[in-house]
C-alpha atoms as a PDB file:
ATOM      1  CA  MET A   1     143.912  79.178 -39.848  1.00  0.00           C
ATOM      2  CA  GLU A   2     142.794  81.795 -42.433  1.00  0.00           C
ATOM      3  CA  LYS A   3     139.657  82.269 -44.584  1.00  0.00           C
ATOM      4  CA  THR A   4     138.816  84.937 -47.081  1.00  0.00           C
ATOM      5  CA  LEU A   5     135.175  86.073 -47.254  1.00  0.00           C
ATOM      6  CA  ASN A   6     133.502  88.325 -49.709  1.00  0.00           C
ATOM      7  CA  ILE A   7     131.835  91.092 -48.099  1.00  0.00           C
ATOM      8  CA  ASP A   8     130.038  93.847 -50.029  1.00  0.00           C
ATOM      9  CA  GLY A   9     132.238  92.720 -53.052  1.00  0.00           C
ATOM     10  CA  VAL A  10     135.422  93.023 -51.093  1.00  0.00           C
ATOM     11  CA  GLU A  11     137.587  90.079 -50.305  1.00  0.00           C
ATOM     12  CA  VAL A  12     138.181  90.270 -46.739  1.00  0.00           C
ATOM     13  CA  LYS A  13     140.683  87.742 -44.804  1.00  0.00           C
ATOM     14  CA  PHE A  14     139.824  86.593 -41.232  1.00  0.00           C
ATOM     15  CA  ARG A  15     142.368  84.672 -39.017  1.00  0.00           C
ATOM     16  CA  ALA A  16     141.958  82.531 -36.175  1.00  0.00           C
ATOM     17  CA  THR A  17     144.939  81.515 -33.874  1.00  0.00           C
ATOM     18  CA  ALA A  18     145.554  81.149 -30.214  1.00  0.00           C
ATOM     19  CA  ALA A  19     146.334  84.900 -30.213  1.00  0.00           C
ATOM     20  CA  VAL A  20     142.935  85.900 -30.812  1.00  0.00           C
ATOM     21  CA  PRO A  21     141.227  85.528 -27.501  1.00  0.00           C
ATOM     22  CA  ARG A  22     144.144  87.591 -26.165  1.00  0.00           C
ATOM     23  CA  LEU A  23     143.844  90.156 -28.810  1.00  0.00           C
ATOM     24  CA  TYR A  24     139.909  90.501 -28.063  1.00  0.00           C
ATOM     25  CA  ARG A  25     140.466  90.674 -24.269  1.00  0.00           C
ATOM     26  CA  ILE A  26     143.047  93.412 -24.697  1.00  0.00           C
ATOM     27  CA  LYS A  27     140.882  95.374 -27.154  1.00  0.00           C
ATOM     28  CA  PHE A  28     137.362  95.163 -25.538  1.00  0.00           C
ATOM     29  CA  ARG A  29     138.018  93.880 -22.207  1.00  0.00           C
ATOM     30  CA  ARG A  30     135.772  90.955 -22.843  1.00  0.00           C
ATOM     31  CA  ASP A  31     135.815  87.116 -23.360  1.00  0.00           C
ATOM     32  CA  ILE A  32     135.477  86.146 -27.011  1.00  0.00           C
ATOM     33  CA  ILE A  33     134.430  82.381 -26.219  1.00  0.00           C
ATOM     34  CA  GLN A  34     131.620  83.819 -24.109  1.00  0.00           C
ATOM     35  CA  ASP A  35     130.742  86.513 -26.495  1.00  0.00           C
ATOM     36  CA  MET A  36     130.465  84.152 -29.477  1.00  0.00           C
ATOM     37  CA  THR A  37     128.346  81.800 -27.264  1.00  0.00           C
ATOM     38  CA  ILE A  38     125.876  84.650 -26.544  1.00  0.00           C
ATOM     39  CA  ILE A  39     125.859  85.586 -30.413  1.00  0.00           C
ATOM     40  CA  GLN A  40     125.000  81.972 -31.554  1.00  0.00           C
ATOM     41  CA  LYS A  41     122.051  81.877 -28.947  1.00  0.00           C
ATOM     42  CA  ALA A  42     120.853  85.273 -29.951  1.00  0.00           C
ATOM     43  CA  MET A  43     120.838  84.330 -33.464  1.00  0.00           C
ATOM     44  CA  LYS A  44     119.285  80.963 -33.131  1.00  0.00           C
ATOM     45  CA  LYS A  45     116.464  83.027 -30.982  1.00  0.00           C
ATOM     46  CA  ALA A  46     116.093  85.697 -33.446  1.00  0.00           C
ATOM     47  CA  GLU A  47     115.721  83.335 -36.468  1.00  0.00           C
ATOM     48  CA  SER A  48     113.128  81.002 -34.754  1.00  0.00           C
ATOM     49  CA  ASP A  49     111.163  83.954 -33.403  1.00  0.00           C
ATOM     50  CA  GLY A  50     111.435  86.194 -36.595  1.00  0.00           C
ATOM     51  CA  GLU A  51     112.875  89.203 -34.457  1.00  0.00           C
ATOM     52  CA  SER A  52     116.002  90.840 -35.187  1.00  0.00           C
ATOM     53  CA  LEU A  53     119.160  90.462 -33.380  1.00  0.00           C
ATOM     54  CA  PRO A  54     119.766  92.425 -29.904  1.00  0.00           C
ATOM     55  CA  PRO A  55     121.923  95.443 -30.559  1.00  0.00           C
ATOM     56  CA  GLU A  56     124.309  93.859 -27.867  1.00  0.00           C
ATOM     57  CA  ALA A  57     124.981  90.756 -29.897  1.00  0.00           C
ATOM     58  CA  LEU A  58     125.374  92.500 -33.016  1.00  0.00           C
ATOM     59  CA  GLU A  59     128.196  94.707 -31.588  1.00  0.00           C
ATOM     60  CA  MET A  60     129.905  91.550 -30.045  1.00  0.00           C
ATOM     61  CA  PHE A  61     129.672  90.082 -33.699  1.00  0.00           C
ATOM     62  CA  GLU A  62     131.373  93.002 -35.134  1.00  0.00           C
ATOM     63  CA  ASN A  63     133.996  93.132 -32.606  1.00  0.00           C
ATOM     64  CA  VAL A  64     134.769  89.372 -33.137  1.00  0.00           C
ATOM     65  CA  ALA A  65     134.953  89.949 -37.150  1.00  0.00           C
ATOM     66  CA  PHE A  66     136.984  93.059 -36.590  1.00  0.00           C
ATOM     67  CA  ILE A  67     139.746  91.217 -34.355  1.00  0.00           C
ATOM     68  CA  MET A  68     139.703  88.133 -36.735  1.00  0.00           C
ATOM     69  CA  ALA A  69     140.201  90.467 -39.929  1.00  0.00           C
ATOM     70  CA  LYS A  70     142.719  92.774 -38.147  1.00  0.00           C
ATOM     71  CA  HIS A  71     144.727  89.451 -37.151  1.00  0.00           C
ATOM     72  CA  ALA A  72     144.694  88.415 -40.747  1.00  0.00           C
ATOM     73  CA  ASP A  73     145.700  91.770 -42.377  1.00  0.00           C
ATOM     74  CA  LYS A  74     146.906  94.306 -39.810  1.00  0.00           C
ATOM     75  CA  ASP A  75     148.176  96.964 -42.396  1.00  0.00           C
ATOM     76  CA  ALA A  76     144.615  96.728 -44.502  1.00  0.00           C
ATOM     77  CA  VAL A  77     142.253  96.834 -41.523  1.00  0.00           C
ATOM     78  CA  PRO A  78     141.637 100.406 -39.890  1.00  0.00           C
ATOM     79  CA  ALA A  79     142.358 100.802 -36.005  1.00  0.00           C
ATOM     80  CA  THR A  80     138.762 100.790 -34.830  1.00  0.00           C
ATOM     81  CA  PRO A  81     135.594  98.642 -35.456  1.00  0.00           C
ATOM     82  CA  GLU A  82     133.930 101.623 -36.561  1.00  0.00           C
ATOM     83  CA  GLU A  83     136.550 102.635 -39.210  1.00  0.00           C
ATOM     84  CA  TRP A  84     136.583  99.164 -40.618  1.00  0.00           C
ATOM     85  CA  LEU A  85     132.663  98.949 -40.830  1.00  0.00           C
ATOM     86  CA  ASP A  86     132.627 102.086 -42.786  1.00  0.00           C
ATOM     87  CA  THR A  87     134.618 100.580 -45.422  1.00  0.00           C
ATOM     88  CA  PHE A  88     131.398  98.278 -46.451  1.00  0.00           C
ATOM     89  CA  LYS A  89     127.933  99.215 -47.457  1.00  0.00           C
ATOM     90  CA  THR A  90     126.454  96.088 -46.004  1.00  0.00           C
ATOM     91  CA  PHE A  91     127.624  93.483 -43.760  1.00  0.00           C
ATOM     92  CA  SER A  92     125.265  90.702 -42.823  1.00  0.00           C
ATOM     93  CA  ILE A  93     125.707  88.967 -39.551  1.00  0.00           C
ATOM     94  CA  TYR A  94     123.611  85.841 -40.871  1.00  0.00           C
ATOM     95  CA  GLN A  95     126.107  85.467 -43.772  1.00  0.00           C
ATOM     96  CA  ILE A  96     129.408  86.016 -42.066  1.00  0.00           C
ATOM     97  CA  PHE A  97     129.051  84.788 -38.520  1.00  0.00           C
ATOM     98  CA  PRO A  98     128.617  81.103 -39.617  1.00  0.00           C
ATOM     99  CA  GLU A  99     131.799  81.233 -41.616  1.00  0.00           C
ATOM    100  CA  ILE A 100     133.807  82.873 -38.554  1.00  0.00           C
ATOM    101  CA  ILE A 101     132.363  80.260 -36.213  1.00  0.00           C
ATOM    102  CA  GLU A 102     133.539  77.623 -38.708  1.00  0.00           C
ATOM    103  CA  LEU A 103     137.001  79.052 -38.922  1.00  0.00           C
ATOM    104  CA  TRP A 104     137.080  79.258 -34.974  1.00  0.00           C
ATOM    105  CA  ASP A 105     135.918  75.584 -34.732  1.00  0.00           C
ATOM    106  CA  LEU A 106     138.531  74.542 -37.203  1.00  0.00           C
ATOM    107  CA  ASN A 107     141.350  76.437 -35.213  1.00  0.00           C
ATOM    108  CA  MET A 108     140.219  74.750 -32.090  1.00  0.00           C
ATOM    109  CA  GLU A 109     140.336  71.145 -33.628  1.00  0.00           C
ATOM    110  CA  THR A 110     143.742  71.765 -34.703  1.00  0.00           C
ATOM    111  CA  ALA A 111     144.894  73.174 -31.237  1.00  0.00           C
ATOM    112  CA  SER A 112     143.638  70.230 -29.405  1.00  0.00           C
ATOM    113  CA  THR A 113     145.826  66.999 -29.640  1.00  0.00           C
ATOM    114  CA  PRO A 114     144.886  63.841 -27.979  1.00  0.00           C
ATOM    115  CA  LYS A 115     146.935  62.569 -25.118  1.00  0.00           C
ATOM    116  CA  LYS A 116     149.152  59.459 -26.049  1.00  0.00           C
ATOM    117  CA  LYS A 117     148.173  56.403 -23.933  1.00  0.00           C
END
């Protein structure tokens, strides 16, 4: 599944497939499913408490977004998250993460097929 989002006036493609968890694990040595859960919880807590997001959750988000963007367009996305983030002036987790989660959920929906009875 693919989705194009506008980030700081730039159209950015994101792709979610079964390869994403593997690519994430290889690049960051972390589990993307666990990290997305941590990000979701941190965002809910930050919104309800009126606090900012912890730096660790923000970094996880940036890594998830980077992997999905790199997976969608290998040639247009630089080799590191830092180089990629440098191409934007602003990058709001509160606008982008819900879109990425929705894309991931849609991918998971199509990946699971009910067993025949």
